Structure formats: structure tokens, C-alpha cells
Amino acid sequence: MDWLWLGVKALVIAVFVLALTEIAKRNAFVSAVVIAFPLMTVLTVGLLFSDTGNAAQASKLAYTTFWLIMASQAFFVVLYFSQKAGLGFWVSFSAAIAGTVASIIGFILVLRRFGINLLSNV
């Protein structure tokens, strides 16, 4: 692996996250619109194919991400309602992460019953 290329990718991701944080300080809606676009997924799938040349592996990542995006919505629901219930931010944030992990595990198990195995390799 080329360490310089890995460093460039890490720097691009860090700048992207920092930029979104600064935008969110000024306008949460604009930041949310950018975050809602699956830019990180697009970049990851593209870079995975660029690094490996394996279209099936990139396709599997996109397919798995599609299914897990639905389960990850639990984060936003739990965070919002925990905050609305008066819990502190970090308690709400931790609960949202735990809720998301539980949701993803549950989603994987339910999908498996329908013949969709997200844990299999390409």
C-alpha cells in the first residue's frame, strides 16, 4: 500500500468532516443536506474500486450500505427523542450509538430470515 496515497485519502476525509462541522455552526440545514448526500459512500466505493480493481467488491459495499443506511436511522431518532426527554447530550449521544448498533444487528438478523446475508463476502 502506498502510504502517501493513504495519507492523502485521510487528509481529504478530515478536511471534509471539519468543513461540515464549520458549516453546521452557521447553518445546520445546509450541513445536513451535504451530509444526507452519500458523498462518503460514493468516495469509498470509488476509491475501493480504484485501489482493488474489483467491481464486485465495490458493488457489494454499495449493496450492504444500502441496507444498513435504513438501520442507521435509529441514531437520529434516539438522539432527538433522548434530547427532547431532557437527557444530557452525551447520554443521548451514547444511547443513540447503542441504539444504532442494536438496530443494525437486528436488521442483519431480520434480513437473513429473508435470504439476504449482508455478512457474506463478495
C-alpha atoms as a PDB file:
ATOM      1  CA  MET A   1       0.000   0.000   0.000  1.00  0.00           C
ATOM      2  CA  ASP A   2       1.250   3.456  -0.875  1.00  0.00           C
ATOM      3  CA  TRP A   3       1.436   5.399   2.403  1.00  0.00           C
ATOM      4  CA  LEU A   4       1.354   8.758   0.631  1.00  0.00           C
ATOM      5  CA  TRP A   5      -1.926   7.881  -1.113  1.00  0.00           C
ATOM      6  CA  LEU A   6      -3.357   6.634   2.188  1.00  0.00           C
ATOM      7  CA  GLY A   7      -2.349   9.908   3.832  1.00  0.00           C
ATOM      8  CA  VAL A   8      -3.978  11.939   1.045  1.00  0.00           C
ATOM      9  CA  LYS A   9      -7.231   9.999   1.465  1.00  0.00           C
ATOM     10  CA  ALA A  10      -7.176  10.519   5.247  1.00  0.00           C
ATOM     11  CA  LEU A  11      -6.499  14.241   4.806  1.00  0.00           C
ATOM     12  CA  VAL A  12      -9.382  14.650   2.332  1.00  0.00           C
ATOM     13  CA  ILE A  13     -11.775  12.919   4.737  1.00  0.00           C
ATOM     14  CA  ALA A  14     -10.562  15.009   7.687  1.00  0.00           C
ATOM     15  CA  VAL A  15     -10.969  18.267   5.746  1.00  0.00           C
ATOM     16  CA  PHE A  16     -14.446  17.189   4.632  1.00  0.00           C
ATOM     17  CA  VAL A  17     -15.580  16.459   8.206  1.00  0.00           C
ATOM     18  CA  LEU A  18     -14.047  19.676   9.554  1.00  0.00           C
ATOM     19  CA  ALA A  19     -15.699  21.722   6.789  1.00  0.00           C
ATOM     20  CA  LEU A  20     -19.094  20.193   7.547  1.00  0.00           C
ATOM     21  CA  THR A  21     -18.656  20.940  11.244  1.00  0.00           C
ATOM     22  CA  GLU A  22     -17.891  24.585  10.494  1.00  0.00           C
ATOM     23  CA  ILE A  23     -20.838  24.827   8.084  1.00  0.00           C
ATOM     24  CA  ALA A  24     -23.135  23.285  10.719  1.00  0.00           C
ATOM     25  CA  LYS A  25     -22.130  26.005  13.201  1.00  0.00           C
ATOM     26  CA  ARG A  26     -23.545  28.571  10.788  1.00  0.00           C
ATOM     27  CA  ASN A  27     -26.359  26.684   9.085  1.00  0.00           C
ATOM     28  CA  ALA A  28     -27.439  23.223  10.258  1.00  0.00           C
ATOM     29  CA  PHE A  29     -29.746  22.749   7.262  1.00  0.00           C
ATOM     30  CA  VAL A  30     -27.011  23.257   4.659  1.00  0.00           C
ATOM     31  CA  SER A  31     -24.700  20.909   6.540  1.00  0.00           C
ATOM     32  CA  ALA A  32     -27.473  18.307   6.836  1.00  0.00           C
ATOM     33  CA  VAL A  33     -28.163  18.472   3.092  1.00  0.00           C
ATOM     34  CA  VAL A  34     -24.488  17.825   2.323  1.00  0.00           C
ATOM     35  CA  ILE A  35     -24.336  15.021   4.893  1.00  0.00           C
ATOM     36  CA  ALA A  36     -27.544  13.454   3.551  1.00  0.00           C
ATOM     37  CA  PHE A  37     -25.928  13.089   0.141  1.00  0.00           C
ATOM     38  CA  PRO A  38     -23.963   9.858   0.354  1.00  0.00           C
ATOM     39  CA  LEU A  39     -20.694  11.545  -0.559  1.00  0.00           C
ATOM     40  CA  MET A  40     -18.628   9.425   1.823  1.00  0.00           C
ATOM     41  CA  THR A  41     -20.174   6.274   0.375  1.00  0.00           C
ATOM     42  CA  VAL A  42     -19.584   7.482  -3.171  1.00  0.00           C
ATOM     43  CA  LEU A  43     -15.948   8.269  -2.378  1.00  0.00           C
ATOM     44  CA  THR A  44     -15.411   4.998  -0.512  1.00  0.00           C
ATOM     45  CA  VAL A  45     -16.917   2.846  -3.269  1.00  0.00           C
ATOM     46  CA  GLY A  46     -14.947   4.731  -5.925  1.00  0.00           C
ATOM     47  CA  LEU A  47     -11.675   4.538  -4.005  1.00  0.00           C
ATOM     48  CA  LEU A  48     -12.223   0.861  -3.197  1.00  0.00           C
ATOM     49  CA  PHE A  49     -12.575   0.080  -6.892  1.00  0.00           C
ATOM     50  CA  SER A  50      -9.633   2.346  -7.724  1.00  0.00           C
ATOM     51  CA  ASP A  51      -7.445   0.565  -5.162  1.00  0.00           C
ATOM     52  CA  THR A  52      -8.524  -3.013  -5.897  1.00  0.00           C
ATOM     53  CA  GLY A  53      -9.947  -3.013  -9.431  1.00  0.00           C
ATOM     54  CA  ASN A  54     -12.605  -5.338  -8.014  1.00  0.00           C
ATOM     55  CA  ALA A  55     -16.028  -4.177  -9.230  1.00  0.00           C
ATOM     56  CA  ALA A  56     -17.812  -6.995  -7.377  1.00  0.00           C
ATOM     57  CA  GLN A  57     -16.278  -5.900  -4.067  1.00  0.00           C
ATOM     58  CA  ALA A  58     -17.240  -2.253  -4.678  1.00  0.00           C
ATOM     59  CA  SER A  59     -20.752  -3.331  -5.662  1.00  0.00           C
ATOM     60  CA  LYS A  60     -21.083  -5.463  -2.511  1.00  0.00           C
ATOM     61  CA  LEU A  61     -20.072  -2.461  -0.393  1.00  0.00           C
ATOM     62  CA  ALA A  62     -22.730  -0.299  -2.075  1.00  0.00           C
ATOM     63  CA  TYR A  63     -25.352  -3.042  -1.676  1.00  0.00           C
ATOM     64  CA  THR A  64     -24.579  -3.603   2.008  1.00  0.00           C
ATOM     65  CA  THR A  65     -24.510   0.137   2.673  1.00  0.00           C
ATOM     66  CA  PHE A  66     -27.939   0.484   1.053  1.00  0.00           C
ATOM     67  CA  TRP A  67     -29.457  -1.954   3.540  1.00  0.00           C
ATOM     68  CA  LEU A  68     -27.633  -0.649   6.599  1.00  0.00           C
ATOM     69  CA  ILE A  69     -28.488   3.006   5.931  1.00  0.00           C
ATOM     70  CA  MET A  70     -32.066   2.157   6.898  1.00  0.00           C
ATOM     71  CA  ALA A  71     -30.973   0.630  10.201  1.00  0.00           C
ATOM     72  CA  SER A  72     -28.657   3.538  10.963  1.00  0.00           C
ATOM     73  CA  GLN A  73     -31.589   5.965  11.022  1.00  0.00           C
ATOM     74  CA  ALA A  74     -32.096   4.802  14.614  1.00  0.00           C
ATOM     75  CA  PHE A  75     -29.231   7.114  15.600  1.00  0.00           C
ATOM     76  CA  PHE A  76     -31.175  10.240  14.663  1.00  0.00           C
ATOM     77  CA  VAL A  77     -34.443   9.069  16.197  1.00  0.00           C
ATOM     78  CA  VAL A  78     -32.877   8.053  19.524  1.00  0.00           C
ATOM     79  CA  LEU A  79     -30.733  11.200  19.731  1.00  0.00           C
ATOM     80  CA  TYR A  80     -33.665  13.503  19.001  1.00  0.00           C
ATOM     81  CA  PHE A  81     -36.113  11.902  21.424  1.00  0.00           C
ATOM     82  CA  SER A  82     -33.500  11.449  24.177  1.00  0.00           C
ATOM     83  CA  GLN A  83     -32.708  15.144  23.987  1.00  0.00           C
ATOM     84  CA  LYS A  84     -36.396  16.009  23.888  1.00  0.00           C
ATOM     85  CA  ALA A  85     -36.895  13.893  27.041  1.00  0.00           C
ATOM     86  CA  GLY A  86     -34.324  16.059  28.813  1.00  0.00           C
ATOM     87  CA  LEU A  87     -31.341  13.709  28.870  1.00  0.00           C
ATOM     88  CA  GLY A  88     -27.907  15.295  28.641  1.00  0.00           C
ATOM     89  CA  PHE A  89     -26.206  15.444  25.272  1.00  0.00           C
ATOM     90  CA  TRP A  90     -23.536  12.804  25.935  1.00  0.00           C
ATOM     91  CA  VAL A  91     -26.049  10.412  27.493  1.00  0.00           C
ATOM     92  CA  SER A  92     -28.325  10.917  24.480  1.00  0.00           C
ATOM     93  CA  PHE A  93     -25.392  10.555  22.091  1.00  0.00           C
ATOM     94  CA  SER A  94     -24.275   7.313  23.763  1.00  0.00           C
ATOM     95  CA  ALA A  95     -27.834   5.974  23.729  1.00  0.00           C
ATOM     96  CA  ALA A  96     -28.098   6.856  20.043  1.00  0.00           C
ATOM     97  CA  ILE A  97     -24.903   4.952  19.247  1.00  0.00           C
ATOM     98  CA  ALA A  98     -26.062   1.936  21.275  1.00  0.00           C
ATOM     99  CA  GLY A  99     -29.483   2.108  19.622  1.00  0.00           C
ATOM    100  CA  THR A 100     -27.871   2.208  16.200  1.00  0.00           C
ATOM    101  CA  VAL A 101     -25.684  -0.811  16.946  1.00  0.00           C
ATOM    102  CA  ALA A 102     -28.738  -2.728  18.197  1.00  0.00           C
ATOM    103  CA  SER A 103     -30.733  -1.640  15.152  1.00  0.00           C
ATOM    104  CA  ILE A 104     -28.017  -2.767  12.741  1.00  0.00           C
ATOM    105  CA  ILE A 105     -27.669  -6.152  14.466  1.00  0.00           C
ATOM    106  CA  GLY A 106     -31.438  -6.600  14.452  1.00  0.00           C
ATOM    107  CA  PHE A 107     -31.661  -5.540  10.813  1.00  0.00           C
ATOM    108  CA  ILE A 108     -28.947  -8.032   9.812  1.00  0.00           C
ATOM    109  CA  LEU A 109     -30.797 -10.839  11.616  1.00  0.00           C
ATOM    110  CA  VAL A 110     -34.176  -9.932  10.084  1.00  0.00           C
ATOM    111  CA  LEU A 111     -32.723  -9.663   6.578  1.00  0.00           C
ATOM    112  CA  ARG A 112     -31.037 -13.040   6.992  1.00  0.00           C
ATOM    113  CA  ARG A 113     -34.513 -14.584   7.541  1.00  0.00           C
ATOM    114  CA  PHE A 114     -35.440 -13.241   4.093  1.00  0.00           C
ATOM    115  CA  GLY A 115     -32.348 -14.734   2.480  1.00  0.00           C
ATOM    116  CA  ILE A 116     -30.303 -11.524   2.436  1.00  0.00           C
ATOM    117  CA  ASN A 117     -26.920 -12.164   4.051  1.00  0.00           C
ATOM    118  CA  LEU A 118     -25.021  -8.921   4.492  1.00  0.00           C
ATOM    119  CA  LEU A 119     -22.127 -10.604   6.292  1.00  0.00           C
ATOM    120  CA  SER A 120     -21.038 -12.751   3.357  1.00  0.00           C
ATOM    121  CA  ASN A 121     -18.092 -11.737   1.225  1.00  0.00           C
ATOM    122  CA  VAL A 122     -18.421 -10.996  -2.478  1.00  0.00           C
END
